[in-house]
Amino acid sequence: MRHWPPAAAAPVVPLRPDREETKREKFERIGGKRMNATLASIKRLGNLGNRSIYEFSEEDATKMIGALNGAIGDLATRLKDRRKAPGFKF
């Protein structure tokens, strides 16, 4: 059972007291948590496909899938190396 209000977040403790967290370590720490939460949410969305419990149209499903694909496209654009010039390559 979740409690409200949520407990205050614990302060970030450096891996080693004599140095600060690197950008890479921060990316991995935060990215891992966000990916796990996102994948769990997508799994829960998939549970809506149980037609013995829920009623939806193909149009509803298409809208949901389109929204997810759009968000994935936005994510891919943001994570790609922006320094690469667009153009034709073999």
C-alpha atoms as a PDB file:
ATOM      1  CA  MET A   1       0.000   0.000   0.000  1.00  0.00           C
ATOM      2  CA  ARG A   2       1.358   3.408  -0.926  1.00  0.00           C
ATOM      3  CA  HIS A   3       1.492   6.138   1.660  1.00  0.00           C
ATOM      4  CA  TRP A   4       0.720   9.755   1.013  1.00  0.00           C
ATOM      5  CA  PRO A   5       2.524  12.047   1.147  1.00  0.00           C
ATOM      6  CA  PRO A   6       5.516  10.090  -0.107  1.00  0.00           C
ATOM      7  CA  ALA A   7       8.564   9.986   2.088  1.00  0.00           C
ATOM      8  CA  ALA A   8      11.244  12.534   1.300  1.00  0.00           C
ATOM      9  CA  ALA A   9      13.810  11.264  -1.155  1.00  0.00           C
ATOM     10  CA  ALA A  10      17.054  10.161   0.395  1.00  0.00           C
ATOM     11  CA  PRO A  11      19.980  12.434  -0.403  1.00  0.00           C
ATOM     12  CA  VAL A  12      22.345  11.237  -3.102  1.00  0.00           C
ATOM     13  CA  VAL A  13      25.372   9.736  -1.448  1.00  0.00           C
ATOM     14  CA  PRO A  14      28.493   9.653  -3.600  1.00  0.00           C
ATOM     15  CA  LEU A  15      29.834   6.201  -4.339  1.00  0.00           C
ATOM     16  CA  ARG A  16      33.091   7.315  -2.819  1.00  0.00           C
ATOM     17  CA  PRO A  17      33.117  10.189  -0.343  1.00  0.00           C
ATOM     18  CA  ASP A  18      36.241  11.671  -1.950  1.00  0.00           C
ATOM     19  CA  ARG A  19      34.651  12.234  -5.390  1.00  0.00           C
ATOM     20  CA  GLU A  20      31.395  13.401  -6.907  1.00  0.00           C
ATOM     21  CA  GLU A  21      29.123  11.326  -9.111  1.00  0.00           C
ATOM     22  CA  THR A  22      30.108  11.489 -12.787  1.00  0.00           C
ATOM     23  CA  LYS A  23      27.628  12.397 -15.501  1.00  0.00           C
ATOM     24  CA  ARG A  24      27.759   8.789 -16.717  1.00  0.00           C
ATOM     25  CA  GLU A  25      27.026   7.404 -13.251  1.00  0.00           C
ATOM     26  CA  LYS A  26      24.139   9.843 -12.864  1.00  0.00           C
ATOM     27  CA  PHE A  27      22.762   8.816 -16.292  1.00  0.00           C
ATOM     28  CA  GLU A  28      22.933   5.128 -15.367  1.00  0.00           C
ATOM     29  CA  ARG A  29      21.403   5.657 -11.915  1.00  0.00           C
ATOM     30  CA  ILE A  30      18.484   7.794 -13.070  1.00  0.00           C
ATOM     31  CA  GLY A  31      18.063   6.115 -16.466  1.00  0.00           C
ATOM     32  CA  GLY A  32      17.864   2.654 -14.937  1.00  0.00           C
ATOM     33  CA  LYS A  33      15.124   3.688 -12.527  1.00  0.00           C
ATOM     34  CA  ARG A  34      13.145   5.499 -15.229  1.00  0.00           C
ATOM     35  CA  MET A  35      13.454   2.606 -17.697  1.00  0.00           C
ATOM     36  CA  ASN A  36      12.256   0.079 -15.132  1.00  0.00           C
ATOM     37  CA  ALA A  37       9.287   2.292 -14.216  1.00  0.00           C
ATOM     38  CA  THR A  38       8.457   2.859 -17.900  1.00  0.00           C
ATOM     39  CA  LEU A  39       8.629  -0.836 -18.761  1.00  0.00           C
ATOM     40  CA  ALA A  40       6.390  -1.665 -15.794  1.00  0.00           C
ATOM     41  CA  SER A  41       3.879   0.961 -16.952  1.00  0.00           C
ATOM     42  CA  ILE A  42       3.865  -0.426 -20.482  1.00  0.00           C
ATOM     43  CA  LYS A  43       3.243  -3.904 -19.080  1.00  0.00           C
ATOM     44  CA  ARG A  44       0.271  -2.547 -17.127  1.00  0.00           C
ATOM     45  CA  LEU A  45      -1.054  -0.922 -20.314  1.00  0.00           C
ATOM     46  CA  GLY A  46      -0.801  -4.335 -21.958  1.00  0.00           C
ATOM     47  CA  ASN A  47      -3.066  -5.736 -19.271  1.00  0.00           C
ATOM     48  CA  LEU A  48      -5.831  -3.579 -20.769  1.00  0.00           C
ATOM     49  CA  GLY A  49      -5.876  -6.020 -23.680  1.00  0.00           C
ATOM     50  CA  ASN A  50      -7.799  -8.540 -21.556  1.00  0.00           C
ATOM     51  CA  ARG A  51     -11.160  -8.417 -23.320  1.00  0.00           C
ATOM     52  CA  SER A  52     -12.878 -10.396 -20.570  1.00  0.00           C
ATOM     53  CA  ILE A  53     -12.355  -7.403 -18.268  1.00  0.00           C
ATOM     54  CA  TYR A  54     -12.167  -4.385 -20.616  1.00  0.00           C
ATOM     55  CA  GLU A  55     -14.023  -3.239 -23.694  1.00  0.00           C
ATOM     56  CA  PHE A  56     -12.222  -1.189 -26.343  1.00  0.00           C
ATOM     57  CA  SER A  57     -12.249  -0.663 -30.072  1.00  0.00           C
ATOM     58  CA  GLU A  58      -9.483  -1.165 -32.584  1.00  0.00           C
ATOM     59  CA  GLU A  59      -9.459   2.621 -32.930  1.00  0.00           C
ATOM     60  CA  ASP A  60      -8.735   2.928 -29.194  1.00  0.00           C
ATOM     61  CA  ALA A  61      -5.846   0.481 -29.519  1.00  0.00           C
ATOM     62  CA  THR A  62      -4.491   2.285 -32.582  1.00  0.00           C
ATOM     63  CA  LYS A  63      -4.556   5.626 -30.734  1.00  0.00           C
ATOM     64  CA  MET A  64      -2.686   4.188 -27.753  1.00  0.00           C
ATOM     65  CA  ILE A  65      -0.078   2.483 -29.912  1.00  0.00           C
ATOM     66  CA  GLY A  66       0.345   5.650 -31.996  1.00  0.00           C
ATOM     67  CA  ALA A  67       0.907   7.753 -28.871  1.00  0.00           C
ATOM     68  CA  LEU A  68       3.514   5.301 -27.598  1.00  0.00           C
ATOM     69  CA  ASN A  69       5.268   5.156 -30.979  1.00  0.00           C
ATOM     70  CA  GLY A  70       5.321   8.957 -31.107  1.00  0.00           C
ATOM     71  CA  ALA A  71       6.877   9.132 -27.638  1.00  0.00           C
ATOM     72  CA  ILE A  72       9.495   6.525 -28.655  1.00  0.00           C
ATOM     73  CA  GLY A  73      10.303   8.583 -31.762  1.00  0.00           C
ATOM     74  CA  ASP A  74      10.748  11.704 -29.640  1.00  0.00           C
ATOM     75  CA  LEU A  75      12.987   9.782 -27.253  1.00  0.00           C
ATOM     76  CA  ALA A  76      15.110   8.437 -30.099  1.00  0.00           C
ATOM     77  CA  THR A  77      15.563  11.941 -31.500  1.00  0.00           C
ATOM     78  CA  ARG A  78      16.640  13.311 -28.125  1.00  0.00           C
ATOM     79  CA  LEU A  79      19.108  10.499 -27.414  1.00  0.00           C
ATOM     80  CA  LYS A  80      20.785  10.449 -30.812  1.00  0.00           C
ATOM     81  CA  ASP A  81      24.084  12.220 -31.261  1.00  0.00           C
ATOM     82  CA  ARG A  82      23.058  15.675 -32.412  1.00  0.00           C
ATOM     83  CA  ARG A  83      26.546  16.470 -33.651  1.00  0.00           C
ATOM     84  CA  LYS A  84      26.131  14.199 -36.658  1.00  0.00           C
ATOM     85  CA  ALA A  85      25.134  16.168 -39.723  1.00  0.00           C
ATOM     86  CA  PRO A  86      22.076  14.804 -41.501  1.00  0.00           C
ATOM     87  CA  GLY A  87      22.703  13.629 -44.996  1.00  0.00           C
ATOM     88  CA  PHE A  88      23.230  10.679 -47.259  1.00  0.00           C
ATOM     89  CA  LYS A  89      25.768   7.959 -46.394  1.00  0.00           C
ATOM     90  CA  PHE A  90      26.703   4.604 -47.835  1.00  0.00           C
END
